[in-house]
Protein backbone atom coordinates (compact mmCIF):
# COMPACT_ATOMS: atom_id res chain seq x y z
CA MET A 1 104.48 127.97 146.11
CA GLU A 2 102.14 127.93 143.12
CA ILE A 3 102.54 126.62 139.57
CA ARG A 4 100.86 128.88 137.03
CA LYS A 5 100.38 128.54 133.29
CA ILE A 6 101.18 131.92 131.84
CA ASP A 7 98.93 133.80 129.45
CA THR A 8 101.15 134.44 126.41
CA SER A 9 98.88 137.32 125.37
CA CYS A 10 99.62 139.08 128.67
CA ALA A 11 102.75 141.24 128.50
CA ARG A 12 103.29 140.98 132.25
CA ASP A 13 103.23 137.17 132.19
CA VAL A 14 105.57 137.01 129.21
CA LYS A 15 107.99 139.41 130.89
CA ARG A 16 108.00 137.31 134.06
CA PHE A 17 108.72 134.13 132.11
CA ILE A 18 111.53 135.76 130.12
CA ASN A 19 113.15 137.53 133.07
CA LEU A 20 113.76 134.50 135.30
CA PRO A 21 117.14 133.39 133.87
CA PHE A 22 118.36 137.00 133.99
CA GLU A 23 117.75 136.84 137.75
CA LEU A 24 119.13 133.32 138.25
CA TYR A 25 122.33 133.66 136.25
CA GLN A 26 123.28 137.31 136.71
CA ASP A 27 126.41 136.33 138.67
CA ILE A 28 127.53 133.51 136.37
CA ALA A 29 130.21 134.88 134.06
CA GLN A 30 129.79 132.15 131.42
CA TRP A 31 126.04 132.63 130.90
CA VAL A 32 124.98 134.37 127.69
CA PRO A 33 121.47 135.84 127.87
CA PRO A 34 119.01 135.17 125.08
CA LEU A 35 117.98 138.12 122.97
CA VAL A 36 114.80 139.34 124.62
CA SER A 37 113.27 140.14 121.24
CA ASP A 38 113.80 136.52 120.13
CA MET A 39 112.20 135.22 123.31
CA ARG A 40 109.15 137.44 122.90
CA LEU A 41 108.77 136.18 119.33
CA ALA A 42 109.01 132.54 120.44
CA LEU A 43 106.05 133.11 122.78
CA ASP A 44 103.97 134.92 120.14
CA ARG A 45 101.37 132.42 118.98
CA ASP A 46 100.33 134.62 116.05
CA LYS A 47 103.78 135.07 114.53
CA TYR A 48 106.06 132.16 115.43
CA PRO A 49 106.01 129.32 112.85
CA PHE A 50 105.88 126.56 115.47
CA TYR A 51 102.26 127.39 116.31
CA ARG A 52 101.14 126.91 112.70
CA HIS A 53 101.24 123.17 113.28
CA SER A 54 101.85 122.47 116.98
CA THR A 55 101.00 123.50 120.52
CA ALA A 56 102.94 124.53 123.61
CA ASP A 57 102.30 125.98 127.03
CA PHE A 58 104.53 127.76 129.51
CA PHE A 59 104.54 127.37 133.30
CA ILE A 60 106.16 129.30 136.13
CA ALA A 61 106.64 128.49 139.80
CA VAL A 62 105.89 131.51 141.94
CA GLU A 63 106.03 132.37 145.61
CA GLY A 64 104.60 135.80 146.26
CA ASP A 65 106.38 138.21 143.92
CA ARG A 66 109.30 135.83 143.40
CA THR A 67 109.61 133.53 140.38
CA LEU A 68 111.34 130.28 141.34
CA GLY A 69 111.29 128.35 138.09
CA ARG A 70 109.87 127.99 134.60
CA ILE A 71 109.30 125.33 131.96
CA ALA A 72 107.79 125.03 128.47
CA VAL A 73 106.10 121.83 127.31
CA LEU A 74 105.51 121.12 123.62
CA ASP A 75 103.48 118.84 121.39
CA ASN A 76 105.42 118.93 118.11
CA GLN A 77 103.04 117.45 115.55
CA PRO A 78 105.49 117.15 112.60
CA TYR A 79 107.90 115.23 114.85
CA ASN A 80 105.22 112.89 116.16
CA THR A 81 103.82 112.30 112.69
CA CYS A 82 107.28 111.61 111.27
CA HIS A 83 108.15 109.14 114.03
CA ASN A 84 104.66 107.73 114.65
CA SER A 85 105.14 108.64 118.30
CA ALA A 86 103.33 110.38 121.16
CA THR A 87 106.19 112.47 122.51
CA ALA A 88 106.11 115.67 124.53
CA PHE A 89 109.19 117.90 124.67
CA PHE A 90 110.26 120.26 127.43
CA TYR A 91 112.34 123.41 126.98
CA TYR A 92 113.15 126.70 128.73
CA PHE A 93 113.69 124.81 131.99
CA ASP A 94 115.25 127.11 134.58
CA VAL A 95 114.92 126.71 138.32
CA VAL A 96 116.41 127.64 141.68
CA GLU A 97 118.41 124.94 143.45
CA ASP A 98 115.34 123.33 145.02
CA LEU A 99 114.23 119.85 143.97
CA ASP A 100 110.65 120.45 145.15
CA VAL A 101 110.27 123.37 142.75
CA ALA A 102 111.64 121.31 139.88
CA ARG A 103 109.32 118.43 140.76
CA ALA A 104 106.27 120.71 140.82
CA LEU A 105 107.15 122.20 137.42
CA PHE A 106 107.63 118.79 135.83
CA ASN A 107 104.44 117.45 137.40
CA ALA A 108 102.57 120.26 135.65
CA ALA A 109 104.36 119.38 132.38
CA PHE A 110 103.59 115.65 132.84
CA ASP A 111 99.90 116.38 133.45
CA TRP A 112 99.77 118.61 130.36
CA ALA A 113 101.29 115.85 128.24
CA CYS A 114 99.11 113.05 129.61
CA VAL A 115 95.92 115.01 128.98
CA ARG A 116 96.96 115.13 125.33
CA GLY A 117 97.67 111.41 125.16
CA LEU A 118 101.45 111.81 125.06
CA ASN A 119 103.42 109.05 126.78
CA LEU A 120 107.05 110.14 126.62
CA MET A 121 108.82 113.31 127.74
CA ILE A 122 112.10 114.32 126.05
CA GLY A 123 114.23 117.41 126.44
CA PRO A 124 115.49 120.00 126.60
CA ARG A 125 114.43 120.37 122.96
CA GLY A 126 113.33 123.66 121.39
CA LEU A 127 110.37 124.83 119.38
CA LEU A 128 112.35 124.87 116.11
CA ARG A 129 114.70 122.23 114.79
CA GLY A 130 117.46 124.82 114.62
CA ASP A 131 117.31 125.61 118.35
CA GLY A 132 120.24 124.70 120.57
CA HIS A 133 119.25 121.80 122.76
CA GLY A 134 120.26 119.63 125.67
CA LEU A 135 121.28 120.15 129.26
CA LEU A 136 124.91 121.11 129.82
CA VAL A 137 126.59 118.28 131.76
CA GLU A 138 130.28 118.93 130.98
CA GLY A 139 132.18 122.13 130.25
CA PHE A 140 130.61 124.49 132.76
CA GLU A 141 133.78 126.61 132.81
CA HIS A 142 133.29 127.57 129.16
CA ARG A 143 131.00 130.17 127.65
CA PRO A 144 128.44 128.53 125.37
CA ALA A 145 128.29 129.10 121.64
CA MET A 146 125.60 131.49 120.48
CA GLY A 147 122.12 130.04 120.85
CA VAL A 148 123.31 127.02 122.84
CA PRO A 149 121.95 126.56 126.40
CA TYR A 150 123.91 127.07 129.59
CA ASN A 151 122.80 125.86 133.01
CA PRO A 152 124.25 125.15 136.46
CA PRO A 153 125.46 121.62 137.31
CA TYR A 154 122.56 120.83 139.67
CA TYR A 155 120.02 120.65 136.82
CA ALA A 156 121.19 117.17 135.79
CA SER A 157 120.84 115.92 139.36
CA HIS A 158 117.29 117.27 139.52
CA LEU A 159 116.27 115.51 136.32
CA GLU A 160 117.85 112.19 137.25
CA THR A 161 116.18 112.26 140.67
CA LEU A 162 112.86 112.86 138.91
CA GLY A 163 113.29 109.68 136.87
CA PHE A 164 114.84 111.01 133.66
CA GLU A 165 117.42 108.93 131.81
CA LYS A 166 119.93 109.77 129.13
CA GLU A 167 118.58 109.79 125.57
CA ILE A 168 121.64 111.10 123.67
CA ASP A 169 124.56 113.49 124.10
CA PHE A 170 125.68 116.27 121.79
CA LEU A 171 129.35 117.25 121.84
CA SER A 172 131.04 120.54 120.95
CA ALA A 173 134.68 120.74 119.92
CA TYR A 174 137.29 123.48 120.18
CA LEU A 175 139.78 124.40 117.48
CA GLY A 176 142.54 126.90 118.18
CA GLY A 177 143.09 129.54 115.54
CA ASP A 178 146.66 128.39 114.99
CA PHE A 179 145.55 125.03 113.64
CA ASP A 180 145.85 124.14 110.00
CA LEU A 181 144.99 121.03 108.09
CA PRO A 182 147.84 118.94 106.71
CA GLN A 183 148.47 119.69 103.04
CA ARG A 184 147.14 116.24 102.13
CA PHE A 185 143.60 117.42 103.04
CA TYR A 186 143.79 120.30 100.58
CA ASP A 187 145.27 118.02 97.93
CA MET A 188 142.51 115.50 98.51
CA ALA A 189 139.84 118.22 98.31
CA ASP A 190 141.23 119.43 94.99
CA LYS A 191 141.18 115.89 93.59
CA VAL A 192 137.62 115.31 94.81
CA LYS A 193 136.43 118.53 93.18
CA GLU A 194 138.11 117.59 89.92
CA ARG A 195 136.82 114.00 89.88
CA ARG A 196 133.30 114.60 91.16
CA GLY A 197 132.65 117.96 89.58
CA PHE A 198 132.19 119.68 92.95
CA TRP A 199 132.77 123.40 93.34
CA VAL A 200 132.33 125.81 96.23
CA LYS A 201 129.77 128.61 96.25
CA SER A 202 130.65 131.64 98.40
CA PHE A 203 128.61 134.74 99.22
CA THR A 204 129.31 138.43 99.50
CA SER A 205 125.96 139.73 100.78
CA LYS A 206 123.07 138.67 102.97
CA GLN A 207 120.65 139.52 100.17
CA GLU A 208 122.32 136.99 97.88
CA LEU A 209 122.43 134.41 100.66
CA ARG A 210 118.73 134.88 101.38
CA ARG A 211 117.87 133.83 97.82
CA TRP A 212 119.57 130.48 98.40
CA VAL A 213 117.65 129.60 101.57
CA PRO A 214 115.13 127.28 99.79
CA LYS A 215 117.93 125.21 98.24
CA VAL A 216 119.78 124.99 101.57
CA GLN A 217 116.50 123.98 103.24
CA HIS A 218 116.20 121.09 100.79
CA VAL A 219 119.65 119.79 101.74
CA ASN A 220 118.86 120.36 105.42
CA ASN A 221 115.74 118.21 105.15
CA GLU A 222 117.33 115.45 103.07
CA ALA A 223 120.70 115.18 104.83
CA PHE A 224 119.47 114.76 108.39
CA THR A 225 116.80 112.06 108.00
CA GLU A 226 118.89 109.61 110.07
CA VAL A 227 119.96 112.17 112.68
CA TRP A 228 118.37 112.11 116.13
CA GLY A 229 115.34 114.37 116.46
CA TYR A 230 114.76 114.74 112.73
CA TYR A 231 111.48 115.91 111.27
CA PRO A 232 110.96 117.72 107.96
CA ILE A 233 110.71 121.49 108.36
CA ASP A 234 108.44 123.66 106.29
CA GLU A 235 109.25 126.93 104.54
CA ALA A 236 108.08 129.10 107.45
CA GLU A 237 110.36 127.31 109.93
CA ALA A 238 113.28 127.37 107.48
CA ASN A 239 112.86 131.13 107.07
CA ALA A 240 112.66 131.64 110.84
CA VAL A 241 115.91 129.72 111.37
CA ALA A 242 117.51 131.61 108.47
CA ASP A 243 116.45 134.96 109.96
CA ARG A 244 118.18 134.05 113.20
CA PHE A 245 121.43 133.03 111.53
CA LEU A 246 121.45 135.93 109.09
CA ALA A 247 121.09 138.43 111.93
CA ALA A 248 124.60 137.52 113.14
CA ALA A 249 126.07 136.07 109.95
CA ASP A 250 128.99 137.10 107.84
CA PRO A 251 128.03 135.72 104.42
CA GLN A 252 131.66 134.90 103.65
CA LEU A 253 131.60 132.26 106.42
CA ILE A 254 128.80 130.30 104.74
CA LYS A 255 129.86 127.94 101.97
CA LEU A 256 127.89 125.63 99.71
CA VAL A 257 129.29 122.56 97.99
CA MET A 258 127.83 122.47 94.49
CA LYS A 259 127.63 119.91 91.70
CA GLY A 260 126.59 121.79 88.63
CA ASP A 261 123.59 123.88 89.73
CA GLU A 262 122.69 121.52 92.59
CA VAL A 263 123.52 122.22 96.24
CA VAL A 264 124.90 118.97 97.67
CA GLY A 265 126.22 120.28 100.98
CA PHE A 266 126.84 123.28 103.18
CA VAL A 267 128.83 124.54 106.13
CA ILE A 268 127.49 127.42 108.22
CA GLY A 269 129.78 129.59 110.29
CA TYR A 270 129.32 132.95 111.94
CA PRO A 271 131.26 135.32 114.19
CA ASP A 272 130.53 134.62 117.84
CA ILE A 273 129.23 137.86 119.33
CA SER A 274 128.29 136.32 122.70
CA ALA A 275 130.44 138.79 124.62
CA GLY A 276 128.51 141.65 123.00
CA ILE A 277 125.19 140.03 123.91
CA GLN A 278 126.41 139.78 127.50
CA ARG A 279 127.30 143.48 127.59
CA ALA A 280 123.93 144.34 126.02
CA ASN A 281 122.21 142.08 128.59
CA GLY A 282 120.18 140.51 125.80
CA ARG A 283 118.53 143.78 124.78
CA ILE A 284 119.12 145.27 121.34
CA TRP A 285 117.36 148.56 122.13
CA PRO A 286 118.05 151.30 122.84
CA PHE A 287 121.84 150.86 122.77
CA GLY A 288 122.48 147.10 122.83
CA TRP A 289 122.90 147.02 119.05
CA LEU A 290 126.09 149.04 119.46
CA HIS A 291 127.64 146.35 121.68
CA LEU A 292 126.71 143.72 119.08
CA LEU A 293 128.19 145.74 116.22
CA ILE A 294 131.46 146.34 118.07
CA GLU A 295 131.76 142.65 118.97
CA PHE A 296 130.95 141.59 115.41
CA ARG A 297 133.97 143.58 114.23
CA ARG A 298 136.43 142.53 116.90
CA THR A 299 135.51 138.99 118.00
CA LYS A 300 138.21 136.35 117.68
CA TRP A 301 135.70 133.51 118.07
CA THR A 302 133.73 131.79 115.34
CA ASN A 303 131.02 129.13 115.64
CA PHE A 304 130.31 126.45 113.06
CA ASN A 305 126.78 125.25 113.67
CA GLY A 306 125.63 123.22 110.71
CA ALA A 307 127.35 121.07 108.13
CA ALA A 308 125.59 118.60 105.87
CA ILE A 309 125.99 116.54 102.72
CA LEU A 310 123.15 115.00 100.72
CA PRO A 311 123.03 111.22 101.35
CA GLU A 312 123.82 110.30 97.75
CA HIS A 313 127.08 112.28 97.95
CA GLN A 314 128.20 111.10 101.37
CA GLY A 315 131.33 109.00 101.14
CA ALA A 316 132.25 110.69 97.84
CA GLY A 317 134.72 113.09 99.43
CA ALA A 318 132.40 116.09 99.75
CA SER A 319 133.03 116.21 103.50
CA VAL A 320 136.74 116.81 102.82
CA VAL A 321 135.75 119.80 100.72
CA LEU A 322 133.60 121.10 103.60
CA TYR A 323 136.35 120.79 106.20
CA THR A 324 138.96 122.44 104.02
CA GLU A 325 136.56 125.35 103.52
CA LEU A 326 136.04 125.50 107.29
CA ALA A 327 139.79 125.65 107.82
CA LYS A 328 140.19 128.37 105.20
CA SER A 329 137.49 130.45 106.92
CA VAL A 330 139.24 130.28 110.29
CA LEU A 331 142.62 131.18 108.80
CA ASP A 332 141.47 133.83 106.33
CA PHE A 333 139.45 135.74 108.94
CA GLY A 334 142.15 135.55 111.60
CA PHE A 335 139.97 133.85 114.21
CA ARG A 336 141.87 132.53 117.21
CA HIS A 337 139.13 130.22 118.44
CA ALA A 338 136.52 128.07 116.71
CA ASP A 339 133.62 126.19 118.28
CA LEU A 340 132.23 123.23 116.30
CA VAL A 341 128.78 123.09 117.81
CA GLN A 342 126.69 120.13 118.98
CA VAL A 343 127.69 117.01 117.05
CA ALA A 344 125.59 113.97 118.00
CA GLU A 345 127.66 111.38 119.87
CA ASN A 346 126.43 108.63 117.53
CA ASN A 347 127.53 110.56 114.43
CA VAL A 348 130.70 108.51 114.12
CA GLU A 349 131.71 109.94 110.76
CA SER A 350 131.52 113.58 111.83
CA ARG A 351 133.26 112.89 115.12
CA GLY A 352 136.05 111.13 113.27
CA GLU A 353 136.43 114.07 110.90
CA VAL A 354 136.63 116.52 113.81
CA ASP A 355 139.25 114.30 115.48
CA ALA A 356 141.19 114.23 112.21
CA VAL A 357 141.40 118.04 112.04
CA GLY A 358 142.52 118.28 115.67
CA GLY A 359 139.29 119.23 117.42
CA GLU A 360 139.16 118.95 121.23
CA TRP A 361 135.77 117.81 122.58
CA TYR A 362 135.16 120.16 125.48
CA LYS A 363 131.42 120.62 126.06
CA ARG A 364 128.66 118.04 126.37
CA HIS A 365 124.90 118.61 126.29
CA ARG A 366 122.52 115.80 127.20
CA ILE A 367 119.00 115.09 126.04
CA TYR A 368 116.91 113.24 128.66
CA ARG A 369 113.84 111.04 128.40
CA ARG A 370 111.18 109.80 130.82
CA ARG A 371 108.21 107.53 130.24
CA LEU A 372 104.89 108.95 131.44
């Protein structure tokens, strides 16, 4: 077995790195492949916004013509500057059920980090702040929400054997489409809007939504300063995350809480087209787009992956407005299932709000850490 750093300018190397999970998980019904076009972009050092400020390398474990594992290791400069830290992140970790292969991959990642003076390894954590993160440790029987990782149960055992410890968990909750908020929530939301001057901005087109991205980015940066993993994102990263969401978005599922002309909060939902991505096997061309279009029109699942309120308006009732808008979206669109994606376990307020609306916590992703 050999550990090789791939050449991201070599199409053959990139293909080999991208193809591994397609080989590993082809018989796992719950696994949703990434879009191959998105993966190629993430490894493109000339186009992806991460490389404007930070560095990463990508390793594979090979034995002859067989690829046994892969890993990415990152030095995220905005994060380290924001936190005055020397942290390396790992991502895209996929491996056969062989501890020796996992150990060899992580040893290469540890060496990479130590050469750069980094003294802590955390992950799985992506190149962009909007990436799904963590290792799945509960809920293996469920299909993941779009963009959220899936992995077999043995991954956690590998990491813990290699000296990793829990950093934090992120929880996802399920809401059945037959749920509805008690009338008191709607009454409270109406009172809050009247007293505080809040109103809800809706959208009818992606073009209109695109024009609001800078204002949403401002809220995104300001609202999450106390959330685990925070660092301020720049315009290029905000646009990259927006491109990803807009590709699968229905603008009517994205709502802004306004006070006058100021955006004070948002909730982002989108139809879950994971089943279409599975049928397309992660490839939009030549005919995968048709599977995505069909699923977009018929899916009964929606994901809510992003809700925030500016700090100065937290505790003023704006969150009630957000959750009533979420409920209206599920009911108005006739969704039968809703996934509230990756809430940090230490976000007591959000977890309490999800409990209050009847959410069932059913998937858990774990971020790990290891001192180097």
